[in-house]
C-alpha atoms as a PDB file:
ATOM      1  CA  MET A   1       0.071   0.054   0.020  1.00  0.00           C
ATOM      2  CA  LEU A   2       1.416   3.213  -1.066  1.00  0.00           C
ATOM      3  CA  SER A   3       1.698   5.784   1.597  1.00  0.00           C
ATOM      4  CA  LYS A   4      -0.193   9.120   1.923  1.00  0.00           C
ATOM      5  CA  GLN A   5       2.862  11.366   0.830  1.00  0.00           C
ATOM      6  CA  ARG A   6       3.608   9.214  -2.284  1.00  0.00           C
ATOM      7  CA  ILE A   7      -0.429   9.226  -3.255  1.00  0.00           C
ATOM      8  CA  ILE A   8      -0.388  12.974  -3.117  1.00  0.00           C
ATOM      9  CA  ASN A   9       2.969  13.150  -4.920  1.00  0.00           C
ATOM     10  CA  ARG A  10       1.415  11.061  -7.383  1.00  0.00           C
ATOM     11  CA  TYR A  11      -1.439  13.851  -8.122  1.00  0.00           C
ATOM     12  CA  VAL A  12       0.962  16.865  -7.711  1.00  0.00           C
ATOM     13  CA  TRP A  13       2.850  14.753 -10.602  1.00  0.00           C
ATOM     14  CA  LEU A  14      -0.332  14.926 -12.630  1.00  0.00           C
ATOM     15  CA  VAL A  15      -1.339  18.314 -12.261  1.00  0.00           C
ATOM     16  CA  GLU A  16       2.245  19.398 -12.857  1.00  0.00           C
ATOM     17  CA  THR A  17       2.484  17.150 -16.537  1.00  0.00           C
ATOM     18  CA  ILE A  18      -0.763  18.234 -17.678  1.00  0.00           C
ATOM     19  CA  CYS A  19       0.346  22.270 -16.719  1.00  0.00           C
ATOM     20  CA  LYS A  20       3.242  21.655 -18.664  1.00  0.00           C
ATOM     21  CA  ALA A  21       1.346  20.182 -21.845  1.00  0.00           C
ATOM     22  CA  GLY A  22      -1.725  22.674 -21.656  1.00  0.00           C
ATOM     23  CA  ARG A  23      -3.550  20.073 -23.242  1.00  0.00           C
ATOM     24  CA  ILE A  24      -2.685  16.496 -23.312  1.00  0.00           C
ATOM     25  CA  THR A  25      -4.181  12.933 -24.165  1.00  0.00           C
ATOM     26  CA  PHE A  26      -4.267  10.065 -21.374  1.00  0.00           C
ATOM     27  CA  GLU A  27      -2.437   8.374 -24.018  1.00  0.00           C
ATOM     28  CA  GLU A  28       0.725  10.994 -23.507  1.00  0.00           C
ATOM     29  CA  ILE A  29      -0.055  11.182 -20.116  1.00  0.00           C
ATOM     30  CA  ASN A  30       0.536   7.421 -19.617  1.00  0.00           C
ATOM     31  CA  GLN A  31       3.623   7.467 -22.219  1.00  0.00           C
ATOM     32  CA  LYS A  32       5.285  10.258 -20.060  1.00  0.00           C
ATOM     33  CA  TRP A  33       3.931   8.091 -16.526  1.00  0.00           C
ATOM     34  CA  VAL A  34       5.374   5.182 -18.149  1.00  0.00           C
ATOM     35  CA  GLU A  35       8.798   7.217 -19.230  1.00  0.00           C
ATOM     36  CA  LYS A  36       9.319   8.812 -15.973  1.00  0.00           C
ATOM     37  CA  PHE A  37       8.901   5.847 -13.441  1.00  0.00           C
ATOM     38  CA  GLU A  38       8.999   2.455 -15.295  1.00  0.00           C
ATOM     39  CA  GLU A  39       5.886   1.367 -13.975  1.00  0.00           C
ATOM     40  CA  ASP A  40       2.601   0.236 -15.751  1.00  0.00           C
ATOM     41  CA  PRO A  41       0.290   2.381 -17.471  1.00  0.00           C
ATOM     42  CA  ILE A  42      -2.302   4.602 -15.231  1.00  0.00           C
ATOM     43  CA  PRO A  43      -5.654   2.514 -15.676  1.00  0.00           C
ATOM     44  CA  LEU A  44      -8.425   4.647 -16.709  1.00  0.00           C
ATOM     45  CA  ARG A  45     -10.351   4.072 -13.723  1.00  0.00           C
ATOM     46  CA  THR A  46      -7.196   5.157 -11.327  1.00  0.00           C
ATOM     47  CA  PHE A  47      -6.862   8.405 -13.400  1.00  0.00           C
ATOM     48  CA  HIS A  48     -10.435   8.966 -13.228  1.00  0.00           C
ATOM     49  CA  LYS A  49     -10.347   8.843  -9.410  1.00  0.00           C
ATOM     50  CA  TRP A  50      -6.818  11.143  -9.204  1.00  0.00           C
ATOM     51  CA  LYS A  51      -8.877  13.809 -11.109  1.00  0.00           C
ATOM     52  CA  ILE A  52     -11.191  13.492  -8.507  1.00  0.00           C
ATOM     53  CA  ALA A  53      -8.703  13.861  -5.827  1.00  0.00           C
ATOM     54  CA  VAL A  54      -6.947  16.526  -7.373  1.00  0.00           C
ATOM     55  CA  GLU A  55     -10.462  18.580  -7.290  1.00  0.00           C
ATOM     56  CA  GLU A  56     -10.821  17.854  -3.941  1.00  0.00           C
ATOM     57  CA  MET A  57      -7.393  18.747  -2.406  1.00  0.00           C
ATOM     58  CA  PHE A  58      -6.024  21.397  -4.729  1.00  0.00           C
ATOM     59  CA  ASN A  59      -9.159  22.903  -6.024  1.00  0.00           C
ATOM     60  CA  LEU A  60      -8.094  22.004  -9.769  1.00  0.00           C
ATOM     61  CA  ALA A  61     -10.447  20.903 -12.223  1.00  0.00           C
ATOM     62  CA  ILE A  62      -8.902  18.204 -14.756  1.00  0.00           C
ATOM     63  CA  GLU A  63     -11.274  18.587 -17.682  1.00  0.00           C
ATOM     64  CA  CYS A  64     -11.528  16.880 -21.007  1.00  0.00           C
ATOM     65  CA  GLU A  65     -12.175  18.502 -24.099  1.00  0.00           C
ATOM     66  CA  ARG A  66     -13.740  15.710 -26.146  1.00  0.00           C
ATOM     67  CA  LYS A  67     -13.526  17.263 -29.794  1.00  0.00           C
ATOM     68  CA  GLY A  68     -10.240  16.593 -31.642  1.00  0.00           C
ATOM     69  CA  GLY A  69      -9.133  13.990 -29.626  1.00  0.00           C
ATOM     70  CA  TYR A  70      -9.755  13.956 -26.007  1.00  0.00           C
ATOM     71  CA  HIS A  71      -7.712  16.328 -24.918  1.00  0.00           C
ATOM     72  CA  TYR A  72      -7.296  16.866 -21.177  1.00  0.00           C
ATOM     73  CA  TYR A  73      -6.432  20.416 -19.257  1.00  0.00           C
ATOM     74  CA  ILE A  74      -6.771  22.129 -16.060  1.00  0.00           C
ATOM     75  CA  GLU A  75      -9.896  24.347 -16.236  1.00  0.00           C
ATOM     76  CA  ASN A  76      -8.882  26.888 -13.690  1.00  0.00           C
ATOM     77  CA  ALA A  77      -5.107  27.001 -13.837  1.00  0.00           C
ATOM     78  CA  ASP A  78      -4.892  30.326 -12.496  1.00  0.00           C
ATOM     79  CA  GLU A  79      -5.768  28.731  -9.390  1.00  0.00           C
ATOM     80  CA  ILE A  80      -2.202  27.586  -9.362  1.00  0.00           C
ATOM     81  CA  LYS A  81      -0.676  31.216  -9.376  1.00  0.00           C
ATOM     82  CA  ARG A  82      -3.344  32.453  -6.291  1.00  0.00           C
ATOM     83  CA  GLY A  83      -2.202  29.325  -4.127  1.00  0.00           C
ATOM     84  CA  GLY A  84      -4.860  26.548  -5.331  1.00  0.00           C
ATOM     85  CA  LEU A  85      -2.361  23.905  -4.688  1.00  0.00           C
ATOM     86  CA  ARG A  86      -2.645  24.895  -0.543  1.00  0.00           C
ATOM     87  CA  LYS A  87      -4.012  21.958   1.348  1.00  0.00           C
ATOM     88  CA  LYS A  88      -7.602  21.465   1.534  1.00  0.00           C
ATOM     89  CA  HIS A  89      -7.779  19.216   4.386  1.00  0.00           C
ATOM     90  CA  HIS A  90      -4.430  17.945   6.892  1.00  0.00           C
ATOM     91  CA  HIS A  91      -3.938  15.126   3.973  1.00  0.00           C
ATOM     92  CA  ALA A  92      -2.774  17.494   1.282  1.00  0.00           C
ATOM     93  CA  LEU A  93       0.528  18.215   1.622  1.00  0.00           C
ATOM     94  CA  ALA A  94       2.867  18.685   4.880  1.00  0.00           C
ATOM     95  CA  ASP A  95       3.334  22.085   4.676  1.00  0.00           C
ATOM     96  CA  ALA A  96       3.139  25.174   3.219  1.00  0.00           C
ATOM     97  CA  GLU A  97       6.331  25.447   2.069  1.00  0.00           C
ATOM     98  CA  ALA A  98       6.000  22.193   0.188  1.00  0.00           C
ATOM     99  CA  CYS A  99       2.990  23.602  -1.406  1.00  0.00           C
ATOM    100  CA  ALA A 100       4.720  26.998  -2.509  1.00  0.00           C
ATOM    101  CA  ALA A 101       7.745  24.761  -3.994  1.00  0.00           C
ATOM    102  CA  ILE A 102       4.885  23.191  -6.025  1.00  0.00           C
ATOM    103  CA  ALA A 103       3.241  25.476  -7.438  1.00  0.00           C
ATOM    104  CA  ILE A 104       6.671  27.140  -8.353  1.00  0.00           C
ATOM    105  CA  LYS A 105       7.895  24.402  -9.888  1.00  0.00           C
ATOM    106  CA  ILE A 106       5.051  23.612 -11.830  1.00  0.00           C
ATOM    107  CA  LEU A 107       4.679  27.560 -13.411  1.00  0.00           C
END
């Protein structure tokens, strides 16, 4: 079983990956995942669970533009600039410094 911090790190990786791409397909996300972590691809069901968790924890909405190939994007990416990655509850991130470091890294 994964630790809470490791799970959160996966959510942060997903946000960072989508933000850097602007718009990205699920297949492209999986390609980056496999290349970076040398793990099996993310199952679609897991991806959708991560999307929900990202919205609950970081107040960031991962949306899908269906026309032209199902591209995912952060609908409210401006939230990152306004501190959208701050923890919504005690499990989100260890402290505010970690949040700031993540936001800076993403931008």
